[in-house]
Amino acid sequence: MIRKGEVALVTGGGRGIGRAVAIALARTGARVIVCSRTLSDVEEVAGLITKEGGTAVALRCDVASPQEVEETFKKAAAAFGPIDILVNNAGVGTVAPYEVADYEIAEWDRIVNVNLRGTFLCCRAVLPSMRERRRGTIINIVSITGRQSAPLVSPYGASKFGAVGLTQALLTENFKYGIRVCMINPGPTNTTIWDKKIVPLSKEVREAMMHSEDVADVVVYVASLPERVRIDEIVVLPNQFPLKMWDYRVE
């Protein structure tokens, strides 16, 4: 179970799933470091946690930058001590639907660098301390797209398939140190990531999606398990959903 005062760091914690995860973990008694590229967003989340009686600090971090990740984890350790729970949630999606043949390299790099490189950098930063203490929980928020890729969003799918492989490697390398590594693969979730799409989804489809709090509940469940127990992967889907991810069309 999550012990009062344990330290959790949540990336992409300013909006959507990350915001809900940070608040939910704080409500269990964890001290939470909320990270995002947009400092004002995480400051708002940390302020809300504090008003509820919890403990949180907001830090700006671009997870795709090795220098910023290193600095962020140093600041986190200085504020609260070693990290017990790392939730790699930071992620970006595609904006316009393009086939692989037409994807711009810069746009491909933008998505893959955050979704895959960022997860790698944060795991790399936290592992030495967790190995030394022989305990810790890493939860990677991946995506159902990491199991079934979709057309017209190839960098997103590739980054999520990569995150699945990374998580599997992390698990096999670190369970001997008492470190639990779990990937959570959410299906369609109604967050601001959909607001940025050039071709929007209908109101009906978005209303049928999961809420960020639904995924946060799963994160808390995984992190709350006895240390002798691990769950390697969870797929979370909306119970009734009118279209499959790979049925999304641009017409």
Protein backbone atom coordinates (compact mmCIF):
# COMPACT_ATOMS: atom_id res chain seq x y z
CA MET A 1 0.00 0.00 0.00
CA ILE A 2 1.03 3.63 -0.40
CA ARG A 3 2.46 4.74 2.90
CA LYS A 4 1.82 8.27 4.10
CA GLY A 5 4.70 10.48 3.08
CA GLU A 6 5.90 8.37 0.18
CA VAL A 7 7.22 10.44 -2.71
CA ALA A 8 5.56 10.29 -6.11
CA LEU A 9 6.66 12.10 -9.26
CA VAL A 10 4.14 12.52 -12.06
CA THR A 11 5.18 13.79 -15.49
CA GLY A 12 2.69 15.59 -17.68
CA GLY A 13 0.90 16.41 -14.46
CA GLY A 14 -0.68 19.69 -15.48
CA ARG A 15 -3.63 18.38 -17.48
CA GLY A 16 -5.71 15.33 -18.26
CA ILE A 17 -4.63 11.97 -16.90
CA GLY A 18 -1.49 13.35 -15.23
CA ARG A 19 -3.44 15.98 -13.34
CA ALA A 20 -5.94 13.39 -12.11
CA VAL A 21 -3.12 11.01 -11.12
CA ALA A 22 -1.27 13.68 -9.13
CA ILE A 23 -4.41 14.63 -7.21
CA ALA A 24 -5.39 11.00 -6.58
CA LEU A 25 -1.94 10.06 -5.28
CA ALA A 26 -1.86 13.11 -2.99
CA ARG A 27 -5.20 12.02 -1.53
CA THR A 28 -3.59 8.73 -0.45
CA GLY A 29 -1.05 10.69 1.61
CA ALA A 30 1.79 10.68 -0.89
CA ARG A 31 3.95 13.76 -1.34
CA VAL A 32 3.74 14.60 -5.02
CA ILE A 33 6.10 16.31 -7.45
CA VAL A 34 3.99 17.52 -10.38
CA CYS A 35 5.97 18.10 -13.58
CA SER A 36 5.10 19.62 -16.93
CA ARG A 37 6.56 21.85 -19.61
CA THR A 38 3.93 24.45 -18.69
CA LEU A 39 4.78 25.60 -15.17
CA SER A 40 1.51 27.47 -14.63
CA ASP A 41 -0.47 24.26 -15.15
CA VAL A 42 1.42 22.26 -12.53
CA GLU A 43 1.46 25.18 -10.13
CA GLU A 44 -2.34 25.16 -10.30
CA VAL A 45 -2.43 21.42 -9.58
CA ALA A 46 0.05 21.69 -6.70
CA GLY A 47 -1.98 24.57 -5.28
CA LEU A 48 -5.16 22.50 -5.40
CA ILE A 49 -3.44 19.61 -3.63
CA THR A 50 -2.15 21.94 -0.93
CA LYS A 51 -5.60 23.44 -0.40
CA GLU A 52 -6.95 19.93 0.16
CA GLY A 53 -4.36 19.39 2.87
CA GLY A 54 -1.87 17.45 0.78
CA THR A 55 1.78 18.09 -0.02
CA ALA A 56 3.00 18.91 -3.50
CA VAL A 57 5.58 20.87 -5.41
CA ALA A 58 5.43 22.00 -9.02
CA LEU A 59 8.47 21.74 -11.31
CA ARG A 60 8.86 22.66 -14.96
CA CYS A 61 10.34 19.84 -17.00
CA ASP A 62 10.61 18.98 -20.67
CA VAL A 63 11.01 15.21 -20.44
CA ALA A 64 12.62 15.07 -23.88
CA SER A 65 15.60 17.05 -22.57
CA PRO A 66 18.28 15.05 -20.69
CA GLN A 67 19.49 18.20 -18.96
CA GLU A 68 16.02 19.21 -17.74
CA VAL A 69 15.21 15.69 -16.56
CA GLU A 70 18.45 15.49 -14.60
CA GLU A 71 17.84 18.88 -13.01
CA THR A 72 14.22 18.07 -12.20
CA PHE A 73 15.07 14.84 -10.41
CA LYS A 74 17.76 16.63 -8.41
CA LYS A 75 15.24 19.27 -7.34
CA ALA A 76 12.69 16.61 -6.49
CA ALA A 77 15.15 14.75 -4.28
CA ALA A 78 16.14 17.98 -2.58
CA ALA A 79 12.50 18.81 -1.87
CA PHE A 80 11.17 15.45 -0.66
CA GLY A 81 13.91 12.83 -0.80
CA PRO A 82 14.13 9.68 -2.94
CA ILE A 83 11.25 8.94 -5.30
CA ASP A 84 9.14 5.91 -4.40
CA ILE A 85 6.60 6.09 -7.25
CA LEU A 86 7.33 7.35 -10.75
CA VAL A 87 4.39 7.84 -13.11
CA ASN A 88 5.55 8.47 -16.67
CA ASN A 89 2.48 10.14 -18.11
CA ALA A 90 3.89 12.98 -20.23
CA GLY A 91 2.83 12.55 -23.82
CA VAL A 92 1.83 14.39 -26.95
CA GLY A 93 -0.39 13.33 -29.81
CA THR A 94 -0.60 13.97 -33.51
CA VAL A 95 -2.34 17.08 -34.75
CA ALA A 96 -3.02 16.44 -38.44
CA PRO A 97 -3.70 13.06 -40.04
CA TYR A 98 -0.83 12.16 -42.37
CA GLU A 99 0.34 8.91 -43.89
CA VAL A 100 3.89 7.77 -43.21
CA ALA A 101 4.99 8.90 -46.68
CA ASP A 102 3.95 12.46 -45.88
CA TYR A 103 5.04 12.86 -42.27
CA GLU A 104 7.44 15.71 -41.57
CA ILE A 105 10.57 14.62 -39.75
CA ALA A 106 10.33 17.43 -37.21
CA GLU A 107 6.78 16.43 -36.29
CA TRP A 108 7.79 12.77 -36.01
CA ASP A 109 10.67 13.73 -33.69
CA ARG A 110 8.46 15.97 -31.56
CA ILE A 111 6.09 13.12 -30.77
CA VAL A 112 8.60 10.29 -30.40
CA ASN A 113 10.97 12.39 -28.29
CA VAL A 114 8.34 13.12 -25.66
CA ASN A 115 6.46 9.82 -25.65
CA LEU A 116 9.40 7.41 -25.83
CA ARG A 117 12.66 9.27 -25.17
CA GLY A 118 11.04 11.09 -22.25
CA THR A 119 9.93 7.86 -20.61
CA PHE A 120 13.42 6.41 -21.04
CA LEU A 121 15.12 9.48 -19.56
CA CYS A 122 12.87 9.59 -16.49
CA CYS A 123 13.24 5.87 -15.80
CA ARG A 124 16.99 6.16 -16.19
CA ALA A 125 17.04 9.04 -13.71
CA VAL A 126 15.10 7.26 -10.98
CA LEU A 127 16.52 3.74 -11.22
CA PRO A 128 19.84 4.21 -9.35
CA SER A 129 18.07 5.34 -6.18
CA MET A 130 15.39 2.65 -6.43
CA ARG A 131 18.00 -0.05 -6.99
CA GLU A 132 20.05 1.16 -4.05
CA ARG A 133 16.99 1.04 -1.77
CA ARG A 134 15.69 -2.15 -3.43
CA ARG A 135 12.17 -0.80 -3.71
CA GLY A 136 10.09 1.44 -5.93
CA THR A 137 7.24 1.48 -8.40
CA ILE A 138 7.42 2.71 -11.99
CA ILE A 139 4.13 3.10 -13.84
CA ASN A 140 4.27 3.94 -17.53
CA ILE A 141 1.08 5.33 -19.02
CA VAL A 142 1.30 3.93 -22.52
CA SER A 143 -1.81 3.53 -24.72
CA ILE A 144 -4.06 0.98 -26.35
CA THR A 145 -2.31 2.23 -29.50
CA GLY A 146 0.75 0.42 -28.20
CA ARG A 147 -1.10 -2.83 -28.83
CA GLN A 148 -2.97 -1.95 -32.04
CA SER A 149 -1.60 0.85 -34.14
CA ALA A 150 -3.85 3.15 -36.14
CA PRO A 151 -3.48 4.74 -39.57
CA LEU A 152 -2.60 8.41 -39.99
CA VAL A 153 -0.98 8.67 -36.54
CA SER A 154 2.20 6.67 -37.17
CA PRO A 155 4.62 8.55 -34.86
CA TYR A 156 2.19 8.22 -31.98
CA GLY A 157 1.74 4.50 -32.60
CA ALA A 158 5.46 3.93 -33.06
CA SER A 159 6.27 5.81 -29.85
CA LYS A 160 3.73 3.79 -27.90
CA PHE A 161 4.91 0.45 -29.31
CA GLY A 162 8.40 1.57 -28.29
CA ALA A 163 7.20 2.39 -24.79
CA VAL A 164 5.76 -1.13 -24.51
CA GLY A 165 9.13 -2.63 -25.42
CA LEU A 166 10.94 -0.29 -23.05
CA THR A 167 8.60 -1.21 -20.20
CA GLN A 168 9.05 -4.93 -20.81
CA ALA A 169 12.83 -4.50 -20.73
CA LEU A 170 12.63 -2.44 -17.53
CA LEU A 171 10.55 -5.12 -15.87
CA THR A 172 12.91 -7.98 -16.68
CA GLU A 173 15.96 -5.95 -15.67
CA ASN A 174 14.67 -4.63 -12.35
CA PHE A 175 12.33 -7.05 -10.59
CA LYS A 176 15.41 -8.63 -8.96
CA TYR A 177 15.93 -5.29 -7.20
CA GLY A 178 12.41 -5.31 -5.79
CA ILE A 179 11.30 -2.64 -8.29
CA ARG A 180 7.84 -3.02 -9.79
CA VAL A 181 7.30 -1.84 -13.36
CA CYS A 182 3.80 -1.69 -14.80
CA MET A 183 2.38 -0.35 -18.03
CA ILE A 184 -1.17 0.94 -18.11
CA ASN A 185 -2.70 1.05 -21.58
CA PRO A 186 -5.73 3.34 -21.58
CA GLY A 187 -8.21 3.34 -24.41
CA PRO A 188 -9.84 6.59 -25.57
CA THR A 189 -9.87 9.09 -22.72
CA ASN A 190 -11.50 12.51 -22.93
CA THR A 191 -8.58 14.87 -22.38
CA THR A 192 -7.33 18.07 -23.99
CA ILE A 193 -5.18 16.04 -26.38
CA TRP A 194 -8.27 15.75 -28.60
CA ASP A 195 -8.77 19.53 -28.65
CA LYS A 196 -5.65 19.91 -30.78
CA LYS A 197 -6.83 17.70 -33.63
CA ILE A 198 -7.35 19.48 -36.92
CA VAL A 199 -10.12 16.97 -37.66
CA PRO A 200 -12.16 16.86 -34.45
CA LEU A 201 -14.10 13.93 -33.06
CA SER A 202 -17.82 14.33 -32.53
CA LYS A 203 -19.33 15.28 -29.20
CA GLU A 204 -21.00 11.86 -29.05
CA VAL A 205 -17.68 10.04 -29.37
CA ARG A 206 -15.92 12.20 -26.78
CA GLU A 207 -18.73 11.77 -24.29
CA ALA A 208 -18.38 7.99 -24.61
CA MET A 209 -14.69 8.11 -23.68
CA MET A 210 -13.26 7.40 -20.25
CA HIS A 211 -12.51 10.22 -17.83
CA SER A 212 -9.00 10.98 -16.62
CA GLU A 213 -10.06 10.00 -13.11
CA ASP A 214 -10.83 6.47 -14.34
CA VAL A 215 -7.20 5.97 -15.31
CA ALA A 216 -5.99 7.67 -12.12
CA ASP A 217 -7.95 5.13 -10.06
CA VAL A 218 -6.03 2.34 -11.81
CA VAL A 219 -2.69 4.04 -11.10
CA VAL A 220 -3.53 4.30 -7.41
CA TYR A 221 -4.61 0.64 -7.37
CA VAL A 222 -1.30 -0.51 -8.88
CA ALA A 223 0.76 1.69 -6.57
CA SER A 224 -1.23 0.53 -3.52
CA LEU A 225 -0.59 -3.19 -3.96
CA PRO A 226 1.53 -4.93 -1.30
CA GLU A 227 5.21 -4.84 -2.23
CA ARG A 228 5.20 -8.62 -2.64
CA VAL A 229 2.70 -8.24 -5.51
CA ARG A 230 3.22 -6.81 -8.98
CA ILE A 231 1.02 -6.28 -12.02
CA ASP A 232 2.91 -6.06 -15.30
CA GLU A 233 0.21 -4.65 -17.57
CA ILE A 234 -3.36 -3.36 -17.41
CA VAL A 235 -5.57 -2.45 -20.35
CA VAL A 236 -8.34 0.02 -19.47
CA LEU A 237 -11.15 0.62 -21.94
CA PRO A 238 -14.45 2.49 -22.01
CA ASN A 239 -17.26 0.01 -21.50
CA GLN A 240 -19.33 1.25 -24.45
CA PHE A 241 -17.61 3.08 -27.25
CA PRO A 242 -19.07 3.78 -30.71
CA LEU A 243 -15.90 3.40 -32.77
CA LYS A 244 -12.56 1.66 -32.69
CA MET A 245 -9.40 3.74 -32.65
CA TRP A 246 -8.37 2.43 -36.05
CA ASP A 247 -11.79 3.33 -37.53
CA TYR A 248 -11.01 7.06 -37.13
CA ARG A 249 -11.29 8.67 -40.55
CA VAL A 250 -10.66 12.14 -41.91
CA GLU A 251 -13.69 12.43 -44.19
